[in-house]
Amino acid sequence: MCLAIPGKVVSIDKEKGFATVNYSGEQRKASTQLVEVKPGDYVIVQAQFIIQKIPKKEALEAIKVWQENEKK
């Protein structure tokens, strides 16, 4: 089983087909070839590909739970 943490798209490089995704301060690049996204979207990334957009409310709830468990 794979656990995915939602990230927020902060910028997009359309020429290269990549988005920069922020995971609680850590930024990584992910391919936009499978899903069309825009800055501000919350996404799930698998193997450096954005595979799904998720609603902001759902993303923020998941991030909160993840952060709470990190503190334990």
C-alpha atoms as a PDB file:
ATOM      1  CA  MET A   1       0.000   0.000   0.000  1.00  0.00           C
ATOM      2  CA  CYS A   2       1.198   3.477  -0.812  1.00  0.00           C
ATOM      3  CA  LEU A   3       0.348   6.502   1.304  1.00  0.00           C
ATOM      4  CA  ALA A   4       0.113   9.801  -0.533  1.00  0.00           C
ATOM      5  CA  ILE A   5       0.243  13.194   1.110  1.00  0.00           C
ATOM      6  CA  PRO A   6      -1.572  16.000  -0.712  1.00  0.00           C
ATOM      7  CA  GLY A   7       0.515  18.845  -2.034  1.00  0.00           C
ATOM      8  CA  LYS A   8      -0.337  22.291  -3.363  1.00  0.00           C
ATOM      9  CA  VAL A   9       0.658  23.340  -6.877  1.00  0.00           C
ATOM     10  CA  VAL A  10       2.647  26.572  -6.583  1.00  0.00           C
ATOM     11  CA  SER A  11       3.798  27.034 -10.171  1.00  0.00           C
ATOM     12  CA  ILE A  12       3.716  25.394 -13.589  1.00  0.00           C
ATOM     13  CA  ASP A  13       6.325  25.171 -16.331  1.00  0.00           C
ATOM     14  CA  LYS A  14       4.122  24.482 -19.378  1.00  0.00           C
ATOM     15  CA  GLU A  15       7.100  24.177 -21.734  1.00  0.00           C
ATOM     16  CA  LYS A  16       8.618  21.335 -19.713  1.00  0.00           C
ATOM     17  CA  GLY A  17       5.303  19.841 -18.557  1.00  0.00           C
ATOM     18  CA  PHE A  18       6.083  20.051 -14.853  1.00  0.00           C
ATOM     19  CA  ALA A  19       4.520  21.666 -11.814  1.00  0.00           C
ATOM     20  CA  THR A  20       6.227  22.627  -8.578  1.00  0.00           C
ATOM     21  CA  VAL A  21       4.288  21.083  -5.699  1.00  0.00           C
ATOM     22  CA  ASN A  22       4.645  22.264  -2.083  1.00  0.00           C
ATOM     23  CA  TYR A  23       4.421  19.641   0.687  1.00  0.00           C
ATOM     24  CA  SER A  24       4.391  21.633   3.949  1.00  0.00           C
ATOM     25  CA  GLY A  25       7.408  23.704   2.914  1.00  0.00           C
ATOM     26  CA  GLU A  26       9.256  21.110   0.838  1.00  0.00           C
ATOM     27  CA  GLN A  27       8.933  21.672  -2.907  1.00  0.00           C
ATOM     28  CA  ARG A  28       9.215  18.991  -5.577  1.00  0.00           C
ATOM     29  CA  LYS A  29       8.588  18.808  -9.298  1.00  0.00           C
ATOM     30  CA  ALA A  30       5.871  16.569 -10.727  1.00  0.00           C
ATOM     31  CA  SER A  31       4.746  15.877 -14.278  1.00  0.00           C
ATOM     32  CA  THR A  32       1.493  17.435 -15.491  1.00  0.00           C
ATOM     33  CA  GLN A  33       1.118  14.978 -18.400  1.00  0.00           C
ATOM     34  CA  LEU A  34      -1.786  13.057 -16.848  1.00  0.00           C
ATOM     35  CA  VAL A  35      -3.844  15.782 -15.144  1.00  0.00           C
ATOM     36  CA  GLU A  36      -4.394  19.427 -16.045  1.00  0.00           C
ATOM     37  CA  VAL A  37      -3.709  21.624 -13.008  1.00  0.00           C
ATOM     38  CA  LYS A  38      -3.270  25.267 -12.098  1.00  0.00           C
ATOM     39  CA  PRO A  39      -1.485  27.035  -9.240  1.00  0.00           C
ATOM     40  CA  GLY A  40      -3.480  26.638  -6.037  1.00  0.00           C
ATOM     41  CA  ASP A  41      -4.793  23.149  -6.878  1.00  0.00           C
ATOM     42  CA  TYR A  42      -4.223  20.363  -4.359  1.00  0.00           C
ATOM     43  CA  VAL A  43      -2.931  17.154  -5.884  1.00  0.00           C
ATOM     44  CA  ILE A  44      -1.787  13.616  -5.244  1.00  0.00           C
ATOM     45  CA  VAL A  45       1.525  12.620  -6.846  1.00  0.00           C
ATOM     46  CA  GLN A  46       2.706   9.075  -7.583  1.00  0.00           C
ATOM     47  CA  ALA A  47       6.118   8.326  -9.115  1.00  0.00           C
ATOM     48  CA  GLN A  48       6.603  12.035  -9.963  1.00  0.00           C
ATOM     49  CA  PHE A  49       3.306  12.227 -11.899  1.00  0.00           C
ATOM     50  CA  ILE A  50       0.292  14.192 -10.716  1.00  0.00           C
ATOM     51  CA  ILE A  51      -2.407  11.534 -10.767  1.00  0.00           C
ATOM     52  CA  GLN A  52      -5.350  13.320  -9.162  1.00  0.00           C
ATOM     53  CA  LYS A  53      -6.658  16.699  -8.065  1.00  0.00           C
ATOM     54  CA  ILE A  54      -8.440  16.721  -4.717  1.00  0.00           C
ATOM     55  CA  PRO A  55     -10.745  19.235  -3.047  1.00  0.00           C
ATOM     56  CA  LYS A  56      -9.013  21.803  -0.832  1.00  0.00           C
ATOM     57  CA  LYS A  57     -11.026  20.805   2.253  1.00  0.00           C
ATOM     58  CA  GLU A  58     -10.068  17.135   1.871  1.00  0.00           C
ATOM     59  CA  ALA A  59      -6.415  18.037   1.280  1.00  0.00           C
ATOM     60  CA  LEU A  60      -6.195  20.298   4.330  1.00  0.00           C
ATOM     61  CA  GLU A  61      -7.803  17.633   6.540  1.00  0.00           C
ATOM     62  CA  ALA A  62      -5.295  15.011   5.356  1.00  0.00           C
ATOM     63  CA  ILE A  63      -2.359  17.394   5.843  1.00  0.00           C
ATOM     64  CA  LYS A  64      -3.544  18.208   9.368  1.00  0.00           C
ATOM     65  CA  VAL A  65      -3.776  14.522  10.321  1.00  0.00           C
ATOM     66  CA  TRP A  66      -0.335  13.870   8.810  1.00  0.00           C
ATOM     67  CA  GLN A  67       1.219  16.759  10.763  1.00  0.00           C
ATOM     68  CA  GLU A  68      -0.419  15.633  14.009  1.00  0.00           C
ATOM     69  CA  ASN A  69       0.970  12.118  13.569  1.00  0.00           C
ATOM     70  CA  GLU A  70       4.454  13.456  12.777  1.00  0.00           C
ATOM     71  CA  LYS A  71       4.551  15.088  16.223  1.00  0.00           C
ATOM     72  CA  LYS A  72       3.929  11.782  18.024  1.00  0.00           C
END
